[in-house]
Amino acid sequence: NRKVPGTIVSIDVRVIATADKDLGDLVDKGEFDRDLYEYL
């Protein structure tokens, strides 16, 4: 949504995520949110 809950200020940052596990594998196991994985 590019907005912080409770505010009208839009988010203007680049997000970099790091992981030491295979997120695709965790998604298949139901241990990681698929929408967040596809976004990141």
All heavy atoms as atom14 arrays in JSON, in Angstrom:
{
  "sequence": "NRKVPGTIVSIDVRVIATADKDLGDLVDKGEFDRDLYEYL",
  "atom14_mask": [
    [1, 1, 1, 1, 1, 1, 1, 1, 0, 0, 0, 0, 0, 0],
    [1, 1, 1, 1, 1, 1, 1, 1, 1, 1, 1, 0, 0, 0],
    [1, 1, 1, 1, 1, 1, 1, 1, 1, 0, 0, 0, 0, 0],
    [1, 1, 1, 1, 1, 1, 1, 0, 0, 0, 0, 0, 0, 0],
    [1, 1, 1, 1, 1, 1, 1, 0, 0, 0, 0, 0, 0, 0],
    [1, 1, 1, 1, 0, 0, 0, 0, 0, 0, 0, 0, 0, 0],
    [1, 1, 1, 1, 1, 1, 1, 0, 0, 0, 0, 0, 0, 0],
    [1, 1, 1, 1, 1, 1, 1, 1, 0, 0, 0, 0, 0, 0],
    [1, 1, 1, 1, 1, 1, 1, 0, 0, 0, 0, 0, 0, 0],
    [1, 1, 1, 1, 1, 1, 0, 0, 0, 0, 0, 0, 0, 0],
    [1, 1, 1, 1, 1, 1, 1, 1, 0, 0, 0, 0, 0, 0],
    [1, 1, 1, 1, 1, 1, 1, 1, 0, 0, 0, 0, 0, 0],
    [1, 1, 1, 1, 1, 1, 1, 0, 0, 0, 0, 0, 0, 0],
    [1, 1, 1, 1, 1, 1, 1, 1, 1, 1, 1, 0, 0, 0],
    [1, 1, 1, 1, 1, 1, 1, 0, 0, 0, 0, 0, 0, 0],
    [1, 1, 1, 1, 1, 1, 1, 1, 0, 0, 0, 0, 0, 0],
    [1, 1, 1, 1, 1, 0, 0, 0, 0, 0, 0, 0, 0, 0],
    [1, 1, 1, 1, 1, 1, 1, 0, 0, 0, 0, 0, 0, 0],
    [1, 1, 1, 1, 1, 0, 0, 0, 0, 0, 0, 0, 0, 0],
    [1, 1, 1, 1, 1, 1, 1, 1, 0, 0, 0, 0, 0, 0],
    [1, 1, 1, 1, 1, 1, 1, 1, 1, 0, 0, 0, 0, 0],
    [1, 1, 1, 1, 1, 1, 1, 1, 0, 0, 0, 0, 0, 0],
    [1, 1, 1, 1, 1, 1, 1, 1, 0, 0, 0, 0, 0, 0],
    [1, 1, 1, 1, 0, 0, 0, 0, 0, 0, 0, 0, 0, 0],
    [1, 1, 1, 1, 1, 1, 1, 1, 0, 0, 0, 0, 0, 0],
    [1, 1, 1, 1, 1, 1, 1, 1, 0, 0, 0, 0, 0, 0],
    [1, 1, 1, 1, 1, 1, 1, 0, 0, 0, 0, 0, 0, 0],
    [1, 1, 1, 1, 1, 1, 1, 1, 0, 0, 0, 0, 0, 0],
    [1, 1, 1, 1, 1, 1, 1, 1, 1, 0, 0, 0, 0, 0],
    [1, 1, 1, 1, 0, 0, 0, 0, 0, 0, 0, 0, 0, 0],
    [1, 1, 1, 1, 1, 1, 1, 1, 1, 0, 0, 0, 0, 0],
    [1, 1, 1, 1, 1, 1, 1, 1, 1, 1, 1, 0, 0, 0],
    [1, 1, 1, 1, 1, 1, 1, 1, 0, 0, 0, 0, 0, 0],
    [1, 1, 1, 1, 1, 1, 1, 1, 1, 1, 1, 0, 0, 0],
    [1, 1, 1, 1, 1, 1, 1, 1, 0, 0, 0, 0, 0, 0],
    [1, 1, 1, 1, 1, 1, 1, 1, 0, 0, 0, 0, 0, 0],
    [1, 1, 1, 1, 1, 1, 1, 1, 1, 1, 1, 1, 0, 0],
    [1, 1, 1, 1, 1, 1, 1, 1, 1, 0, 0, 0, 0, 0],
    [1, 1, 1, 1, 1, 1, 1, 1, 1, 1, 1, 1, 0, 0],
    [1, 1, 1, 1, 1, 1, 1, 1, 0, 0, 0, 0, 0, 0]
  ],
  "atom14_positions": [
    [[0.82, -1.22, 0.0], [0.0, 0.0, 0.0], [0.85, 1.27, 0.0], [0.34, 2.37, -0.21], [-0.93, 0.02, 1.21], [-1.99, -1.06, 1.15], [-2.46, -1.4, 0.06], [-2.36, -1.62, 2.3], [0.0, 0.0, 0.0], [0.0, 0.0, 0.0], [0.0, 0.0, 0.0], [0.0, 0.0, 0.0], [0.0, 0.0, 0.0], [0.0, 0.0, 0.0]],
    [[2.17, 1.1, 0.26], [3.11, 2.22, 0.28], [2.73, 3.28, 1.31], [3.04, 4.46, 1.16], [3.23, 2.88, -1.09], [3.55, 1.96, -2.24], [4.86, 1.26, -2.07], [5.99, 2.18, -2.17], [7.26, 1.79, -1.99], [7.54, 0.55, -1.67], [8.22, 2.67, -2.09], [0.0, 0.0, 0.0], [0.0, 0.0, 0.0], [0.0, 0.0, 0.0]],
    [[2.04, 2.87, 2.37], [1.67, 3.79, 3.44], [1.77, 3.1, 4.78], [1.46, 1.91, 4.91], [0.26, 4.33, 3.24], [0.14, 5.37, 2.14], [-1.25, 5.99, 2.12], [-1.33, 7.07, 1.04], [-2.67, 7.7, 0.99], [0.0, 0.0, 0.0], [0.0, 0.0, 0.0], [0.0, 0.0, 0.0], [0.0, 0.0, 0.0], [0.0, 0.0, 0.0]],
    [[2.19, 3.86, 5.79], [2.25, 3.33, 7.15], [0.87, 3.45, 7.78], [0.22, 4.49, 7.66], [3.28, 4.11, 7.99], [3.32, 3.58, 9.42], [4.65, 4.02, 7.35], [0.0, 0.0, 0.0], [0.0, 0.0, 0.0], [0.0, 0.0, 0.0], [0.0, 0.0, 0.0], [0.0, 0.0, 0.0], [0.0, 0.0, 0.0], [0.0, 0.0, 0.0]],
    [[0.38, 2.38, 8.42], [-0.96, 2.43, 9.03], [-1.1, 3.61, 9.99], [-0.2, 3.92, 10.77], [-1.04, 1.1, 9.78], [-0.1, 0.2, 9.07], [1.02, 1.06, 8.6], [0.0, 0.0, 0.0], [0.0, 0.0, 0.0], [0.0, 0.0, 0.0], [0.0, 0.0, 0.0], [0.0, 0.0, 0.0], [0.0, 0.0, 0.0], [0.0, 0.0, 0.0]],
    [[-2.23, 4.29, 9.9], [-2.5, 5.4, 10.81], [-1.93, 6.72, 10.37], [-2.04, 7.72, 11.08], [0.0, 0.0, 0.0], [0.0, 0.0, 0.0], [0.0, 0.0, 0.0], [0.0, 0.0, 0.0], [0.0, 0.0, 0.0], [0.0, 0.0, 0.0], [0.0, 0.0, 0.0], [0.0, 0.0, 0.0], [0.0, 0.0, 0.0], [0.0, 0.0, 0.0]],
    [[-1.28, 6.77, 9.18], [-0.7, 8.02, 8.69], [-1.12, 8.23, 7.23], [-1.64, 7.33, 6.58], [0.84, 8.0, 8.75], [1.35, 7.12, 7.74], [1.33, 7.53, 10.11], [0.0, 0.0, 0.0], [0.0, 0.0, 0.0], [0.0, 0.0, 0.0], [0.0, 0.0, 0.0], [0.0, 0.0, 0.0], [0.0, 0.0, 0.0], [0.0, 0.0, 0.0]],
    [[-0.86, 9.44, 6.75], [-1.13, 9.74, 5.34], [0.16, 9.87, 4.55], [0.15, 10.21, 3.36], [-1.95, 11.05, 5.22], [-1.17, 12.23, 5.83], [-3.31, 10.9, 5.86], [-1.82, 13.56, 5.58], [0.0, 0.0, 0.0], [0.0, 0.0, 0.0], [0.0, 0.0, 0.0], [0.0, 0.0, 0.0], [0.0, 0.0, 0.0], [0.0, 0.0, 0.0]],
    [[1.3, 9.61, 5.22], [2.61, 9.75, 4.58], [2.91, 8.51, 3.75], [2.82, 7.38, 4.25], [3.72, 9.95, 5.64], [5.08, 10.08, 4.96], [3.41, 11.17, 6.5], [0.0, 0.0, 0.0], [0.0, 0.0, 0.0], [0.0, 0.0, 0.0], [0.0, 0.0, 0.0], [0.0, 0.0, 0.0], [0.0, 0.0, 0.0], [0.0, 0.0, 0.0]],
    [[3.23, 8.69, 2.47], [3.56, 7.56, 1.6], [5.01, 7.13, 1.81], [5.85, 7.91, 2.23], [3.33, 7.93, 0.13], [4.17, 9.01, -0.23], [0.0, 0.0, 0.0], [0.0, 0.0, 0.0], [0.0, 0.0, 0.0], [0.0, 0.0, 0.0], [0.0, 0.0, 0.0], [0.0, 0.0, 0.0], [0.0, 0.0, 0.0], [0.0, 0.0, 0.0]],
    [[5.27, 5.88, 1.53], [6.61, 5.3, 1.72], [7.43, 5.51, 0.45], [7.0, 5.14, -0.64], [6.51, 3.8, 2.05], [5.86, 3.6, 3.41], [7.89, 3.16, 2.03], [5.65, 2.14, 3.77], [0.0, 0.0, 0.0], [0.0, 0.0, 0.0], [0.0, 0.0, 0.0], [0.0, 0.0, 0.0], [0.0, 0.0, 0.0], [0.0, 0.0, 0.0]],
    [[8.61, 6.09, 0.6], [9.54, 6.27, -0.51], [10.9, 5.71, -0.11], [11.83, 6.44, 0.22], [9.66, 7.75, -0.9], [10.69, 7.97, -2.01], [10.94, 7.01, -2.77], [11.24, 9.08, -2.1], [0.0, 0.0, 0.0], [0.0, 0.0, 0.0], [0.0, 0.0, 0.0], [0.0, 0.0, 0.0], [0.0, 0.0, 0.0], [0.0, 0.0, 0.0]],
    [[11.01, 4.4, -0.07], [12.28, 3.74, 0.24], [12.43, 2.54, -0.69], [11.45, 2.03, -1.23], [12.35, 3.24, 1.71], [12.25, 4.38, 2.69], [11.29, 2.18, 1.98], [0.0, 0.0, 0.0], [0.0, 0.0, 0.0], [0.0, 0.0, 0.0], [0.0, 0.0, 0.0], [0.0, 0.0, 0.0], [0.0, 0.0, 0.0], [0.0, 0.0, 0.0]],
    [[13.69, 2.11, -0.84], [13.92, 0.83, -1.5], [14.1, -0.23, -0.43], [14.88, -0.04, 0.51], [15.16, 0.88, -2.39], [15.28, -0.43, -3.17], [16.46, -0.51, -4.06], [16.34, -1.67, -4.93], [17.28, -2.09, -5.74], [18.43, -1.44, -5.83], [17.09, -3.16, -6.49], [0.0, 0.0, 0.0], [0.0, 0.0, 0.0], [0.0, 0.0, 0.0]],
    [[13.4, -1.34, -0.57], [13.47, -2.41, 0.42], [14.37, -3.52, -0.11], [14.19, -4.02, -1.23], [12.07, -2.98, 0.71], [12.16, -4.17, 1.65], [11.17, -1.9, 1.31], [0.0, 0.0, 0.0], [0.0, 0.0, 0.0], [0.0, 0.0, 0.0], [0.0, 0.0, 0.0], [0.0, 0.0, 0.0], [0.0, 0.0, 0.0], [0.0, 0.0, 0.0]],
    [[15.36, -3.88, 0.7], [16.24, -5.02, 0.41], [16.07, -6.02, 1.55], [16.25, -5.67, 2.72], [17.71, -4.6, 0.28], [17.89, -3.59, -0.86], [18.59, -5.81, 0.05], [19.31, -3.08, -1.02], [0.0, 0.0, 0.0], [0.0, 0.0, 0.0], [0.0, 0.0, 0.0], [0.0, 0.0, 0.0], [0.0, 0.0, 0.0], [0.0, 0.0, 0.0]],
    [[15.7, -7.24, 1.23], [15.53, -8.28, 2.24], [16.63, -9.32, 2.1], [17.06, -9.65, 0.99], [14.17, -8.94, 2.1], [0.0, 0.0, 0.0], [0.0, 0.0, 0.0], [0.0, 0.0, 0.0], [0.0, 0.0, 0.0], [0.0, 0.0, 0.0], [0.0, 0.0, 0.0], [0.0, 0.0, 0.0], [0.0, 0.0, 0.0], [0.0, 0.0, 0.0]],
    [[17.11, -9.84, 3.24], [18.11, -10.91, 3.21], [17.53, -12.15, 3.89], [16.72, -12.03, 4.82], [19.41, -10.5, 3.92], [19.19, -10.43, 5.34], [19.91, -9.17, 3.42], [0.0, 0.0, 0.0], [0.0, 0.0, 0.0], [0.0, 0.0, 0.0], [0.0, 0.0, 0.0], [0.0, 0.0, 0.0], [0.0, 0.0, 0.0], [0.0, 0.0, 0.0]],
    [[17.95, -13.31, 3.43], [17.47, -14.57, 4.0], [18.56, -15.62, 3.89], [19.25, -15.7, 2.87], [16.21, -15.03, 3.29], [0.0, 0.0, 0.0], [0.0, 0.0, 0.0], [0.0, 0.0, 0.0], [0.0, 0.0, 0.0], [0.0, 0.0, 0.0], [0.0, 0.0, 0.0], [0.0, 0.0, 0.0], [0.0, 0.0, 0.0], [0.0, 0.0, 0.0]],
    [[18.72, -16.43, 4.94], [19.7, -17.52, 4.9], [19.03, -18.86, 4.64], [19.66, -19.91, 4.76], [20.53, -17.56, 6.19], [19.67, -17.66, 7.43], [18.51, -18.07, 7.31], [20.16, -17.31, 8.52], [0.0, 0.0, 0.0], [0.0, 0.0, 0.0], [0.0, 0.0, 0.0], [0.0, 0.0, 0.0], [0.0, 0.0, 0.0], [0.0, 0.0, 0.0]],
    [[17.73, -18.83, 4.3], [17.0, -20.04, 3.93], [16.34, -19.81, 2.57], [16.17, -18.67, 2.14], [15.94, -20.38, 4.98], [16.51, -20.66, 6.36], [15.4, -20.88, 7.37], [15.97, -21.1, 8.78], [14.88, -21.23, 9.79], [0.0, 0.0, 0.0], [0.0, 0.0, 0.0], [0.0, 0.0, 0.0], [0.0, 0.0, 0.0], [0.0, 0.0, 0.0]],
    [[15.96, -20.9, 1.93], [15.29, -20.82, 0.63], [13.85, -20.4, 0.85], [13.02, -21.19, 1.31], [15.36, -22.19, -0.06], [14.83, -22.14, -1.48], [14.05, -21.22, -1.79], [15.19, -23.02, -2.28], [0.0, 0.0, 0.0], [0.0, 0.0, 0.0], [0.0, 0.0, 0.0], [0.0, 0.0, 0.0], [0.0, 0.0, 0.0], [0.0, 0.0, 0.0]],
    [[13.53, -19.14, 0.54], [12.18, -18.64, 0.78], [11.14, -19.36, -0.09], [10.02, -19.58, 0.35], [12.11, -17.13, 0.51], [12.83, -16.21, 1.5], [12.39, -14.77, 1.27], [12.57, -16.61, 2.93], [0.0, 0.0, 0.0], [0.0, 0.0, 0.0], [0.0, 0.0, 0.0], [0.0, 0.0, 0.0], [0.0, 0.0, 0.0], [0.0, 0.0, 0.0]],
    [[11.52, -19.73, -1.29], [10.6, -20.47, -2.15], [10.2, -21.78, -1.52], [9.02, -22.18, -1.57], [0.0, 0.0, 0.0], [0.0, 0.0, 0.0], [0.0, 0.0, 0.0], [0.0, 0.0, 0.0], [0.0, 0.0, 0.0], [0.0, 0.0, 0.0], [0.0, 0.0, 0.0], [0.0, 0.0, 0.0], [0.0, 0.0, 0.0], [0.0, 0.0, 0.0]],
    [[11.16, -22.47, -0.91], [10.88, -23.73, -0.23], [9.98, -23.49, 0.98], [9.06, -24.27, 1.25], [12.2, -24.38, 0.2], [12.0, -25.77, 0.78], [11.26, -26.56, 0.18], [12.57, -26.06, 1.85], [0.0, 0.0, 0.0], [0.0, 0.0, 0.0], [0.0, 0.0, 0.0], [0.0, 0.0, 0.0], [0.0, 0.0, 0.0], [0.0, 0.0, 0.0]],
    [[10.24, -22.41, 1.74], [9.42, -22.1, 2.91], [7.99, -21.76, 2.5], [7.03, -22.09, 3.21], [10.03, -20.93, 3.68], [11.39, -21.19, 4.34], [11.87, -19.93, 5.08], [11.32, -22.36, 5.31], [0.0, 0.0, 0.0], [0.0, 0.0, 0.0], [0.0, 0.0, 0.0], [0.0, 0.0, 0.0], [0.0, 0.0, 0.0], [0.0, 0.0, 0.0]],
    [[7.84, -21.09, 1.34], [6.5, -20.78, 0.84], [5.74, -22.07, 0.55], [4.56, -22.22, 0.91], [6.59, -19.89, -0.42], [5.23, -19.8, -1.11], [7.08, -18.5, -0.06], [0.0, 0.0, 0.0], [0.0, 0.0, 0.0], [0.0, 0.0, 0.0], [0.0, 0.0, 0.0], [0.0, 0.0, 0.0], [0.0, 0.0, 0.0], [0.0, 0.0, 0.0]],
    [[6.41, -23.02, -0.09], [5.77, -24.31, -0.4], [5.35, -25.06, 0.86], [4.35, -25.78, 0.86], [6.71, -25.18, -1.23], [6.96, -24.6, -2.62], [6.11, -23.79, -3.08], [7.98, -24.94, -3.23], [0.0, 0.0, 0.0], [0.0, 0.0, 0.0], [0.0, 0.0, 0.0], [0.0, 0.0, 0.0], [0.0, 0.0, 0.0], [0.0, 0.0, 0.0]],
    [[6.11, -24.89, 1.93], [5.79, -25.56, 3.2], [4.77, -24.78, 4.03], [4.37, -25.22, 5.1], [7.07, -25.74, 4.02], [8.07, -26.7, 3.41], [9.33, -26.78, 4.26], [10.35, -27.74, 3.66], [11.61, -27.76, 4.47], [0.0, 0.0, 0.0], [0.0, 0.0, 0.0], [0.0, 0.0, 0.0], [0.0, 0.0, 0.0], [0.0, 0.0, 0.0]],
    [[4.38, -23.6, 3.55], [3.43, -22.78, 4.28], [4.04, -22.01, 5.44], [3.32, -21.52, 6.31], [0.0, 0.0, 0.0], [0.0, 0.0, 0.0], [0.0, 0.0, 0.0], [0.0, 0.0, 0.0], [0.0, 0.0, 0.0], [0.0, 0.0, 0.0], [0.0, 0.0, 0.0], [0.0, 0.0, 0.0], [0.0, 0.0, 0.0], [0.0, 0.0, 0.0]],
    [[5.39, -21.86, 5.43], [6.08, -21.19, 6.52], [6.44, -19.74, 6.19], [7.04, -19.05, 7.0], [7.34, -21.97, 6.9], [7.04, -23.38, 7.4], [8.31, -24.18, 7.66], [9.4, -23.58, 7.61], [8.2, -25.4, 7.91], [0.0, 0.0, 0.0], [0.0, 0.0, 0.0], [0.0, 0.0, 0.0], [0.0, 0.0, 0.0], [0.0, 0.0, 0.0]],
    [[6.12, -19.31, 4.98], [6.41, -17.93, 4.59], [5.29, -17.45, 3.68], [4.79, -18.2, 2.83], [7.75, -17.81, 3.87], [8.29, -16.41, 3.82], [9.07, -15.92, 4.86], [8.01, -15.57, 2.75], [9.56, -14.61, 4.83], [8.49, -14.27, 2.71], [9.27, -13.8, 3.76], [0.0, 0.0, 0.0], [0.0, 0.0, 0.0], [0.0, 0.0, 0.0]],
    [[4.88, -16.19, 3.87], [3.76, -15.63, 3.12], [4.1, -15.51, 1.63], [5.1, -14.89, 1.26], [3.4, -14.26, 3.69], [2.19, -13.67, 3.0], [1.09, -14.21, 3.19], [2.36, -12.67, 2.29], [0.0, 0.0, 0.0], [0.0, 0.0, 0.0], [0.0, 0.0, 0.0], [0.0, 0.0, 0.0], [0.0, 0.0, 0.0], [0.0, 0.0, 0.0]],
    [[3.26, -16.09, 0.81], [3.52, -16.11, -0.64], [3.49, -14.7, -1.24], [4.32, -14.36, -2.08], [2.5, -17.0, -1.34], [2.73, -17.11, -2.85], [1.75, -18.08, -3.48], [1.94, -19.43, -2.98], [2.85, -20.28, -3.46], [3.65, -19.9, -4.46], [2.95, -21.49, -2.97], [0.0, 0.0, 0.0], [0.0, 0.0, 0.0], [0.0, 0.0, 0.0]],
    [[2.54, -13.87, -0.82], [2.43, -12.51, -1.37], [3.68, -11.7, -1.06], [4.2, -10.97, -1.92], [1.2, -11.8, -0.8], [-0.1, -12.38, -1.32], [-0.08, -12.95, -2.43], [-1.12, -12.27, -0.63], [0.0, 0.0, 0.0], [0.0, 0.0, 0.0], [0.0, 0.0, 0.0], [0.0, 0.0, 0.0], [0.0, 0.0, 0.0], [0.0, 0.0, 0.0]],
    [[4.19, -11.81, 0.18], [5.4, -11.07, 0.55], [6.6, -11.58, -0.23], [7.44, -10.79, -0.68], [5.65, -11.19, 2.05], [6.88, -10.45, 2.59], [6.78, -8.96, 2.29], [7.05, -10.69, 4.09], [0.0, 0.0, 0.0], [0.0, 0.0, 0.0], [0.0, 0.0, 0.0], [0.0, 0.0, 0.0], [0.0, 0.0, 0.0], [0.0, 0.0, 0.0]],
    [[6.67, -12.9, -0.41], [7.78, -13.49, -1.17], [7.78, -12.97, -2.61], [8.82, -12.57, -3.14], [7.67, -15.01, -1.15], [8.61, -15.7, -2.12], [9.99, -15.67, -1.93], [8.11, -16.36, -3.25], [10.85, -16.29, -2.83], [8.95, -16.98, -4.15], [10.32, -16.94, -3.93], [11.16, -17.54, -4.82], [0.0, 0.0, 0.0], [0.0, 0.0, 0.0]],
    [[6.62, -12.97, -3.25], [6.54, -12.52, -4.64], [6.85, -11.03, -4.75], [7.43, -10.57, -5.74], [5.16, -12.82, -5.21], [4.92, -14.32, -5.4], [3.52, -14.64, -5.88], [2.69, -13.69, -5.95], [3.25, -15.82, -6.19], [0.0, 0.0, 0.0], [0.0, 0.0, 0.0], [0.0, 0.0, 0.0], [0.0, 0.0, 0.0], [0.0, 0.0, 0.0]],
    [[6.48, -10.26, -3.73], [6.77, -8.83, -3.72], [8.28, -8.58, -3.58], [8.86, -7.76, -4.31], [6.03, -8.16, -2.56], [6.32, -6.68, -2.42], [5.64, -5.73, -3.18], [7.28, -6.23, -1.51], [5.91, -4.38, -3.05], [7.56, -4.88, -1.38], [6.88, -3.96, -2.15], [7.16, -2.62, -2.03], [0.0, 0.0, 0.0], [0.0, 0.0, 0.0]],
    [[8.93, -9.31, -2.66], [10.36, -9.07, -2.38], [11.27, -9.61, -3.47], [12.36, -9.08, -3.68], [10.74, -9.71, -1.04], [10.1, -9.14, 0.22], [10.48, -9.98, 1.43], [10.53, -7.69, 0.43], [0.0, 0.0, 0.0], [0.0, 0.0, 0.0], [0.0, 0.0, 0.0], [0.0, 0.0, 0.0], [0.0, 0.0, 0.0], [0.0, 0.0, 0.0]]
  ]
}
